[in-house]
Amino acid sequence: MSDATLLELVKEVRWKTLKILETVDGEMARFKPPGLNNTILWHAGHAAVVVEQLCFVVAAGTAPKTPPDWFEKFGWNSKPAMVTQWPSVVELVDWLKDQRDRLIALVETFTPEQLDRIVGTAPRNRTVRGEIVHALHDEANHQGEMHLLKKLWKLQTL
């Protein structure tokens, strides 16, 4: 029996990320205002990498399906200023949709006992459920950054 609340959270958080990206074109996606390090594209790619690492690799114990260079581009220790080749917005959106479907299918397979299993290491000691929630919370935080960058983009084009 799957966790209905966790499934709803997966759907809601990813829907909102995809909704934000609906009106983002290539130029806006790569916009980086002075004093900031990351773009809309980086924040969306970061969400994909974090979900892949925490939900699939840590929580489920599977190999990541992100393209090989995405962790270097979008991971928590990435250096976006050093990246010269970025995926397109369309490629990233397609990937996020596929990942959403895979995550829903994964969460549907977990029993309550499996969701309560500890997979994190000290000091966090997160459960499978905790890793999934943490990944989705991180994605939701990055949605705020994407919203802000969209607003700044509009201001600079006035």
N, C-alpha and C. Protein backbone atom coordinates (compact mmCIF):
# COMPACT_ATOMS: atom_id res chain seq x y z
N MET A 1 0.85 -1.19 0.00
CA MET A 1 0.00 0.00 0.00
C MET A 1 0.89 1.24 0.00
N SER A 2 0.72 2.08 -0.98
CA SER A 2 1.57 3.27 -1.09
C SER A 2 1.08 4.38 -0.17
N ASP A 3 1.96 5.32 0.08
CA ASP A 3 1.69 6.46 0.94
C ASP A 3 1.05 7.57 0.09
N ALA A 4 -0.25 7.81 0.28
CA ALA A 4 -0.99 8.76 -0.55
C ALA A 4 -0.47 10.19 -0.38
N THR A 5 -0.09 10.55 0.83
CA THR A 5 0.40 11.90 1.07
C THR A 5 1.73 12.12 0.36
N LEU A 6 2.61 11.15 0.43
CA LEU A 6 3.90 11.26 -0.24
C LEU A 6 3.73 11.34 -1.76
N LEU A 7 2.81 10.55 -2.29
CA LEU A 7 2.52 10.61 -3.73
C LEU A 7 1.99 11.98 -4.12
N GLU A 8 1.11 12.53 -3.31
CA GLU A 8 0.57 13.86 -3.60
C GLU A 8 1.67 14.91 -3.57
N LEU A 9 2.59 14.78 -2.63
CA LEU A 9 3.70 15.73 -2.53
C LEU A 9 4.58 15.66 -3.78
N VAL A 10 4.88 14.45 -4.24
CA VAL A 10 5.67 14.27 -5.46
C VAL A 10 4.99 14.99 -6.62
N LYS A 11 3.71 14.73 -6.79
CA LYS A 11 2.97 15.32 -7.91
C LYS A 11 2.91 16.84 -7.81
N GLU A 12 2.62 17.36 -6.64
CA GLU A 12 2.47 18.81 -6.46
C GLU A 12 3.78 19.55 -6.67
N VAL A 13 4.85 19.08 -6.04
CA VAL A 13 6.13 19.78 -6.15
C VAL A 13 6.62 19.77 -7.59
N ARG A 14 6.59 18.63 -8.24
CA ARG A 14 7.12 18.56 -9.61
C ARG A 14 6.20 19.33 -10.57
N TRP A 15 4.88 19.27 -10.36
CA TRP A 15 3.96 20.04 -11.20
C TRP A 15 4.34 21.51 -11.16
N LYS A 16 4.63 22.02 -9.96
CA LYS A 16 4.96 23.44 -9.83
C LYS A 16 6.29 23.77 -10.53
N THR A 17 7.27 22.92 -10.42
CA THR A 17 8.53 23.15 -11.12
C THR A 17 8.29 23.21 -12.62
N LEU A 18 7.52 22.27 -13.14
CA LEU A 18 7.23 22.25 -14.57
C LEU A 18 6.41 23.46 -14.99
N LYS A 19 5.50 23.90 -14.14
CA LYS A 19 4.69 25.08 -14.42
C LYS A 19 5.59 26.33 -14.53
N ILE A 20 6.54 26.46 -13.64
CA ILE A 20 7.48 27.58 -13.69
C ILE A 20 8.23 27.58 -15.01
N LEU A 21 8.64 26.41 -15.46
CA LEU A 21 9.47 26.30 -16.66
C LEU A 21 8.69 26.47 -17.97
N GLU A 22 7.35 26.42 -17.90
CA GLU A 22 6.53 26.55 -19.11
C GLU A 22 6.82 27.81 -19.91
N THR A 23 7.10 28.90 -19.23
CA THR A 23 7.28 30.19 -19.90
C THR A 23 8.74 30.62 -19.95
N VAL A 24 9.64 29.69 -19.73
CA VAL A 24 11.07 30.01 -19.74
C VAL A 24 11.67 29.61 -21.08
N ASP A 25 12.30 30.57 -21.75
CA ASP A 25 13.00 30.25 -22.99
C ASP A 25 14.49 30.13 -22.70
N GLY A 26 15.26 29.82 -23.72
CA GLY A 26 16.69 29.59 -23.54
C GLY A 26 17.44 30.77 -22.95
N GLU A 27 17.10 31.97 -23.41
CA GLU A 27 17.80 33.16 -22.91
C GLU A 27 17.46 33.42 -21.44
N MET A 28 16.19 33.35 -21.11
CA MET A 28 15.78 33.55 -19.71
C MET A 28 16.36 32.44 -18.82
N ALA A 29 16.41 31.23 -19.33
CA ALA A 29 16.91 30.09 -18.55
C ALA A 29 18.36 30.28 -18.13
N ARG A 30 19.13 31.01 -18.94
CA ARG A 30 20.56 31.19 -18.66
C ARG A 30 20.88 32.56 -18.04
N PHE A 31 19.85 33.35 -17.77
CA PHE A 31 20.03 34.68 -17.18
C PHE A 31 20.59 34.56 -15.76
N LYS A 32 21.70 35.28 -15.52
CA LYS A 32 22.32 35.31 -14.21
C LYS A 32 22.58 36.77 -13.86
N PRO A 33 21.78 37.31 -12.94
CA PRO A 33 21.99 38.70 -12.58
C PRO A 33 23.30 38.90 -11.82
N PRO A 34 23.83 40.11 -11.85
CA PRO A 34 25.07 40.39 -11.12
C PRO A 34 24.92 40.02 -9.64
N GLY A 35 25.96 39.38 -9.13
CA GLY A 35 25.97 39.01 -7.72
C GLY A 35 25.39 37.64 -7.41
N LEU A 36 24.76 37.00 -8.40
CA LEU A 36 24.21 35.65 -8.19
C LEU A 36 25.01 34.66 -9.03
N ASN A 37 25.02 33.41 -8.59
CA ASN A 37 25.81 32.38 -9.26
C ASN A 37 25.00 31.45 -10.14
N ASN A 38 23.69 31.36 -9.89
CA ASN A 38 22.91 30.32 -10.53
C ASN A 38 21.80 30.89 -11.40
N THR A 39 21.41 30.09 -12.39
CA THR A 39 20.36 30.46 -13.34
C THR A 39 19.12 29.60 -13.09
N ILE A 40 18.04 29.94 -13.79
CA ILE A 40 16.83 29.11 -13.71
C ILE A 40 17.17 27.69 -14.15
N LEU A 41 17.93 27.57 -15.22
CA LEU A 41 18.31 26.25 -15.73
C LEU A 41 19.08 25.47 -14.67
N TRP A 42 20.00 26.13 -13.97
CA TRP A 42 20.76 25.43 -12.94
C TRP A 42 19.83 24.98 -11.81
N HIS A 43 18.94 25.84 -11.35
CA HIS A 43 18.04 25.47 -10.25
C HIS A 43 17.16 24.27 -10.63
N ALA A 44 16.65 24.26 -11.85
CA ALA A 44 15.81 23.14 -12.29
C ALA A 44 16.64 21.86 -12.43
N GLY A 45 17.84 21.99 -12.98
CA GLY A 45 18.72 20.83 -13.10
C GLY A 45 19.17 20.32 -11.74
N HIS A 46 19.38 21.24 -10.81
CA HIS A 46 19.76 20.86 -9.45
C HIS A 46 18.64 20.04 -8.81
N ALA A 47 17.40 20.46 -9.01
CA ALA A 47 16.27 19.70 -8.48
C ALA A 47 16.28 18.27 -9.03
N ALA A 48 16.54 18.14 -10.33
CA ALA A 48 16.58 16.81 -10.95
C ALA A 48 17.68 15.94 -10.33
N VAL A 49 18.85 16.52 -10.14
CA VAL A 49 19.98 15.77 -9.59
C VAL A 49 19.74 15.38 -8.14
N VAL A 50 19.21 16.29 -7.34
CA VAL A 50 18.96 16.00 -5.93
C VAL A 50 17.90 14.91 -5.80
N VAL A 51 16.82 15.02 -6.57
CA VAL A 51 15.79 13.97 -6.52
C VAL A 51 16.37 12.63 -6.94
N GLU A 52 17.18 12.63 -7.98
CA GLU A 52 17.77 11.37 -8.45
C GLU A 52 18.67 10.77 -7.37
N GLN A 53 19.53 11.58 -6.80
CA GLN A 53 20.48 11.08 -5.80
C GLN A 53 19.77 10.60 -4.52
N LEU A 54 18.87 11.43 -3.99
CA LEU A 54 18.27 11.09 -2.70
C LEU A 54 17.16 10.04 -2.82
N CYS A 55 16.34 10.15 -3.86
CA CYS A 55 15.20 9.23 -3.97
C CYS A 55 15.57 7.91 -4.62
N PHE A 56 16.35 7.96 -5.66
CA PHE A 56 16.67 6.73 -6.38
C PHE A 56 17.94 6.06 -5.86
N VAL A 57 19.00 6.84 -5.69
CA VAL A 57 20.28 6.25 -5.28
C VAL A 57 20.25 5.91 -3.78
N VAL A 58 19.98 6.89 -2.93
CA VAL A 58 20.03 6.66 -1.48
C VAL A 58 18.82 5.86 -1.00
N ALA A 59 17.61 6.34 -1.31
CA ALA A 59 16.41 5.70 -0.76
C ALA A 59 16.12 4.34 -1.39
N ALA A 60 16.30 4.22 -2.71
CA ALA A 60 15.94 2.97 -3.39
C ALA A 60 17.14 2.08 -3.71
N GLY A 61 18.35 2.64 -3.64
CA GLY A 61 19.54 1.83 -3.91
C GLY A 61 19.75 1.49 -5.36
N THR A 62 19.24 2.33 -6.27
CA THR A 62 19.42 2.08 -7.69
C THR A 62 20.48 3.01 -8.26
N ALA A 63 20.93 2.71 -9.46
CA ALA A 63 21.91 3.56 -10.13
C ALA A 63 21.21 4.82 -10.64
N PRO A 64 21.89 5.96 -10.63
CA PRO A 64 21.27 7.18 -11.14
C PRO A 64 21.06 7.09 -12.65
N LYS A 65 19.99 7.72 -13.13
CA LYS A 65 19.71 7.73 -14.57
C LYS A 65 19.97 9.10 -15.20
N THR A 66 20.49 10.03 -14.41
CA THR A 66 20.82 11.33 -14.98
C THR A 66 21.95 11.16 -15.99
N PRO A 67 21.99 12.03 -16.99
CA PRO A 67 23.15 11.98 -17.90
C PRO A 67 24.45 12.09 -17.10
N PRO A 68 25.51 11.45 -17.56
CA PRO A 68 26.75 11.35 -16.79
C PRO A 68 27.33 12.66 -16.27
N ASP A 69 27.18 13.73 -17.02
CA ASP A 69 27.80 14.99 -16.61
C ASP A 69 26.88 15.90 -15.79
N TRP A 70 25.66 15.47 -15.54
CA TRP A 70 24.72 16.35 -14.84
C TRP A 70 25.09 16.59 -13.39
N PHE A 71 25.65 15.61 -12.71
CA PHE A 71 26.01 15.84 -11.31
C PHE A 71 27.08 16.93 -11.21
N GLU A 72 28.03 16.91 -12.14
CA GLU A 72 29.06 17.97 -12.15
C GLU A 72 28.46 19.33 -12.46
N LYS A 73 27.45 19.37 -13.32
CA LYS A 73 26.82 20.64 -13.69
C LYS A 73 25.84 21.16 -12.65
N PHE A 74 25.08 20.24 -12.03
CA PHE A 74 23.95 20.64 -11.20
C PHE A 74 24.05 20.20 -9.74
N GLY A 75 25.06 19.46 -9.38
CA GLY A 75 25.19 18.95 -8.01
C GLY A 75 25.47 20.04 -7.00
N TRP A 76 25.44 19.66 -5.73
CA TRP A 76 25.59 20.65 -4.65
C TRP A 76 26.99 21.24 -4.59
N ASN A 77 27.97 20.60 -5.19
CA ASN A 77 29.33 21.17 -5.24
C ASN A 77 29.68 21.66 -6.64
N SER A 78 28.68 21.84 -7.47
CA SER A 78 28.95 22.26 -8.85
C SER A 78 29.46 23.69 -8.92
N LYS A 79 30.08 23.99 -10.02
CA LYS A 79 30.61 25.33 -10.28
C LYS A 79 30.02 25.80 -11.61
N PRO A 80 28.79 26.35 -11.58
CA PRO A 80 28.11 26.73 -12.82
C PRO A 80 28.91 27.66 -13.72
N ALA A 81 29.72 28.52 -13.14
CA ALA A 81 30.51 29.45 -13.95
C ALA A 81 31.52 28.72 -14.83
N MET A 82 31.87 27.50 -14.47
CA MET A 82 32.86 26.72 -15.22
C MET A 82 32.22 25.85 -16.31
N VAL A 83 30.89 25.75 -16.31
CA VAL A 83 30.19 24.89 -17.27
C VAL A 83 30.07 25.60 -18.61
N THR A 84 30.40 24.90 -19.68
CA THR A 84 30.32 25.50 -21.01
C THR A 84 29.19 24.91 -21.85
N GLN A 85 28.75 23.70 -21.54
CA GLN A 85 27.67 23.03 -22.28
C GLN A 85 26.51 22.74 -21.35
N TRP A 86 25.37 23.36 -21.62
CA TRP A 86 24.17 23.13 -20.82
C TRP A 86 23.12 22.40 -21.64
N PRO A 87 22.28 21.60 -20.99
CA PRO A 87 21.15 21.02 -21.73
C PRO A 87 20.16 22.14 -22.07
N SER A 88 19.33 21.91 -23.05
CA SER A 88 18.30 22.90 -23.39
C SER A 88 17.18 22.82 -22.36
N VAL A 89 16.35 23.86 -22.33
CA VAL A 89 15.19 23.86 -21.43
C VAL A 89 14.27 22.70 -21.79
N VAL A 90 14.06 22.48 -23.07
CA VAL A 90 13.19 21.39 -23.52
C VAL A 90 13.72 20.04 -23.05
N GLU A 91 15.02 19.83 -23.20
CA GLU A 91 15.63 18.57 -22.75
C GLU A 91 15.44 18.39 -21.24
N LEU A 92 15.66 19.44 -20.49
CA LEU A 92 15.52 19.36 -19.04
C LEU A 92 14.07 19.12 -18.64
N VAL A 93 13.14 19.80 -19.27
CA VAL A 93 11.71 19.60 -18.96
C VAL A 93 11.30 18.17 -19.26
N ASP A 94 11.70 17.66 -20.40
CA ASP A 94 11.39 16.26 -20.74
C ASP A 94 11.96 15.31 -19.70
N TRP A 95 13.18 15.59 -19.27
CA TRP A 95 13.82 14.75 -18.27
C TRP A 95 13.08 14.82 -16.93
N LEU A 96 12.68 16.02 -16.54
CA LEU A 96 11.94 16.19 -15.27
C LEU A 96 10.59 15.46 -15.31
N LYS A 97 9.93 15.47 -16.45
CA LYS A 97 8.66 14.74 -16.59
C LYS A 97 8.88 13.24 -16.46
N ASP A 98 9.90 12.74 -17.13
CA ASP A 98 10.20 11.31 -17.04
C ASP A 98 10.57 10.93 -15.61
N GLN A 99 11.36 11.77 -14.96
CA GLN A 99 11.75 11.49 -13.58
C GLN A 99 10.54 11.49 -12.66
N ARG A 100 9.62 12.43 -12.87
CA ARG A 100 8.39 12.46 -12.08
C ARG A 100 7.65 11.14 -12.20
N ASP A 101 7.51 10.64 -13.40
CA ASP A 101 6.79 9.39 -13.61
C ASP A 101 7.51 8.22 -12.95
N ARG A 102 8.84 8.21 -13.05
CA ARG A 102 9.62 7.15 -12.38
C ARG A 102 9.50 7.24 -10.87
N LEU A 103 9.49 8.48 -10.33
CA LEU A 103 9.39 8.65 -8.88
C LEU A 103 8.02 8.24 -8.37
N ILE A 104 6.97 8.58 -9.10
CA ILE A 104 5.63 8.14 -8.71
C ILE A 104 5.58 6.62 -8.68
N ALA A 105 6.09 5.98 -9.72
CA ALA A 105 6.10 4.51 -9.78
C ALA A 105 6.91 3.93 -8.63
N LEU A 106 8.03 4.56 -8.29
CA LEU A 106 8.86 4.07 -7.19
C LEU A 106 8.12 4.19 -5.86
N VAL A 107 7.57 5.35 -5.58
CA VAL A 107 6.88 5.57 -4.31
C VAL A 107 5.70 4.62 -4.17
N GLU A 108 5.03 4.32 -5.26
CA GLU A 108 3.90 3.38 -5.22
C GLU A 108 4.32 1.98 -4.80
N THR A 109 5.60 1.64 -4.97
CA THR A 109 6.05 0.29 -4.60
C THR A 109 6.41 0.16 -3.13
N PHE A 110 6.66 1.27 -2.44
CA PHE A 110 7.12 1.20 -1.06
C PHE A 110 5.99 0.86 -0.09
N THR A 111 6.27 -0.08 0.79
CA THR A 111 5.35 -0.37 1.90
C THR A 111 5.65 0.61 3.03
N PRO A 112 4.76 0.75 3.99
CA PRO A 112 5.05 1.62 5.14
C PRO A 112 6.36 1.24 5.84
N GLU A 113 6.63 -0.04 5.93
CA GLU A 113 7.86 -0.50 6.58
C GLU A 113 9.09 -0.08 5.78
N GLN A 114 9.00 -0.17 4.47
CA GLN A 114 10.12 0.25 3.63
C GLN A 114 10.35 1.75 3.73
N LEU A 115 9.28 2.52 3.80
CA LEU A 115 9.40 3.98 3.94
C LEU A 115 10.03 4.36 5.28
N ASP A 116 9.85 3.53 6.29
CA ASP A 116 10.40 3.81 7.62
C ASP A 116 11.84 3.32 7.81
N ARG A 117 12.38 2.63 6.81
CA ARG A 117 13.74 2.09 6.91
C ARG A 117 14.76 3.23 6.91
N ILE A 118 15.73 3.15 7.82
CA ILE A 118 16.80 4.15 7.89
C ILE A 118 17.79 3.89 6.76
N VAL A 119 18.06 4.94 5.96
CA VAL A 119 19.03 4.81 4.88
C VAL A 119 20.12 5.86 4.98
N GLY A 120 19.85 6.92 5.70
CA GLY A 120 20.85 7.98 5.85
C GLY A 120 21.89 7.59 6.87
N THR A 121 22.98 8.32 6.88
CA THR A 121 24.04 8.06 7.84
C THR A 121 24.01 9.14 8.92
N ALA A 122 24.65 8.85 10.03
CA ALA A 122 24.71 9.80 11.13
C ALA A 122 25.34 11.10 10.63
N PRO A 123 24.95 12.24 11.06
CA PRO A 123 23.98 12.49 12.12
C PRO A 123 22.53 12.55 11.64
N ARG A 124 22.29 12.43 10.33
CA ARG A 124 20.92 12.59 9.83
C ARG A 124 20.04 11.38 10.10
N ASN A 125 20.53 10.19 9.80
CA ASN A 125 19.75 8.97 9.98
C ASN A 125 18.34 9.09 9.43
N ARG A 126 18.22 9.57 8.19
CA ARG A 126 16.91 9.73 7.58
C ARG A 126 16.35 8.38 7.15
N THR A 127 15.04 8.33 7.13
CA THR A 127 14.34 7.18 6.58
C THR A 127 14.21 7.35 5.07
N VAL A 128 13.74 6.32 4.40
CA VAL A 128 13.45 6.42 2.97
C VAL A 128 12.47 7.58 2.76
N ARG A 129 11.42 7.63 3.58
CA ARG A 129 10.44 8.71 3.48
C ARG A 129 11.12 10.07 3.69
N GLY A 130 12.00 10.13 4.66
CA GLY A 130 12.70 11.38 4.96
C GLY A 130 13.58 11.85 3.82
N GLU A 131 14.25 10.92 3.15
CA GLU A 131 15.09 11.29 2.00
C GLU A 131 14.23 11.85 0.86
N ILE A 132 13.09 11.22 0.63
CA ILE A 132 12.20 11.68 -0.44
C ILE A 132 11.64 13.06 -0.09
N VAL A 133 11.19 13.23 1.14
CA VAL A 133 10.66 14.53 1.57
C VAL A 133 11.75 15.60 1.49
N HIS A 134 12.96 15.27 1.92
CA HIS A 134 14.05 16.23 1.87
C HIS A 134 14.33 16.66 0.42
N ALA A 135 14.36 15.70 -0.49
CA ALA A 135 14.60 16.03 -1.90
C ALA A 135 13.51 16.94 -2.45
N LEU A 136 12.26 16.64 -2.12
CA LEU A 136 11.16 17.46 -2.62
C LEU A 136 11.14 18.84 -1.97
N HIS A 137 11.51 18.91 -0.70
CA HIS A 137 11.60 20.20 -0.02
C HIS A 137 12.68 21.06 -0.66
N ASP A 138 13.81 20.44 -1.00
CA ASP A 138 14.88 21.16 -1.67
C ASP A 138 14.40 21.69 -3.02
N GLU A 139 13.68 20.86 -3.76
CA GLU A 139 13.15 21.30 -5.05
C GLU A 139 12.20 22.49 -4.86
N ALA A 140 11.34 22.42 -3.86
CA ALA A 140 10.40 23.52 -3.59
C ALA A 140 11.15 24.81 -3.25
N ASN A 141 12.23 24.70 -2.49
CA ASN A 141 13.05 25.88 -2.19
C ASN A 141 13.62 26.49 -3.47
N HIS A 142 14.08 25.65 -4.37
CA HIS A 142 14.65 26.14 -5.62
C HIS A 142 13.59 26.73 -6.54
N GLN A 143 12.34 26.34 -6.36
CA GLN A 143 11.26 26.98 -7.11
C GLN A 143 11.20 28.47 -6.78
N GLY A 144 11.41 28.80 -5.52
CA GLY A 144 11.42 30.21 -5.11
C GLY A 144 12.52 30.97 -5.82
N GLU A 145 13.68 30.37 -5.95
CA GLU A 145 14.79 31.00 -6.65
C GLU A 145 14.45 31.20 -8.13
N MET A 146 13.80 30.20 -8.72
CA MET A 146 13.42 30.32 -10.13
C MET A 146 12.40 31.45 -10.32
N HIS A 147 11.44 31.54 -9.41
CA HIS A 147 10.46 32.64 -9.46
C HIS A 147 11.17 34.00 -9.38
N LEU A 148 12.09 34.12 -8.46
CA LEU A 148 12.82 35.37 -8.29
C LEU A 148 13.59 35.72 -9.57
N LEU A 149 14.26 34.75 -10.15
CA LEU A 149 15.02 35.01 -11.37
C LEU A 149 14.10 35.41 -12.53
N LYS A 150 12.91 34.83 -12.59
CA LYS A 150 11.96 35.24 -13.62
C LYS A 150 11.54 36.70 -13.42
N LYS A 151 11.32 37.10 -12.19
CA LYS A 151 10.96 38.49 -11.89
C LYS A 151 12.10 39.43 -12.24
N LEU A 152 13.31 39.06 -11.88
CA LEU A 152 14.47 39.89 -12.21
C LEU A 152 14.67 39.99 -13.72
N TRP A 153 14.44 38.90 -14.42
CA TRP A 153 14.54 38.90 -15.88
C TRP A 153 13.56 39.92 -16.47
N LYS A 154 12.33 39.89 -15.99
CA LYS A 154 11.31 40.80 -16.51
C LYS A 154 11.67 42.25 -16.22
N LEU A 155 12.22 42.51 -15.04
CA LEU A 155 12.62 43.87 -14.68
C LEU A 155 13.73 44.39 -15.60
N GLN A 156 14.69 43.55 -15.90
CA GLN A 156 15.82 44.01 -16.71
C GLN A 156 15.46 44.15 -18.18
N THR A 157 14.33 43.58 -18.59
CA THR A 157 13.92 43.70 -19.99
C THR A 157 12.88 44.81 -20.18
N LEU A 158 12.54 45.53 -19.10
CA LEU A 158 11.55 46.62 -19.24
C LEU A 158 12.16 47.83 -19.91
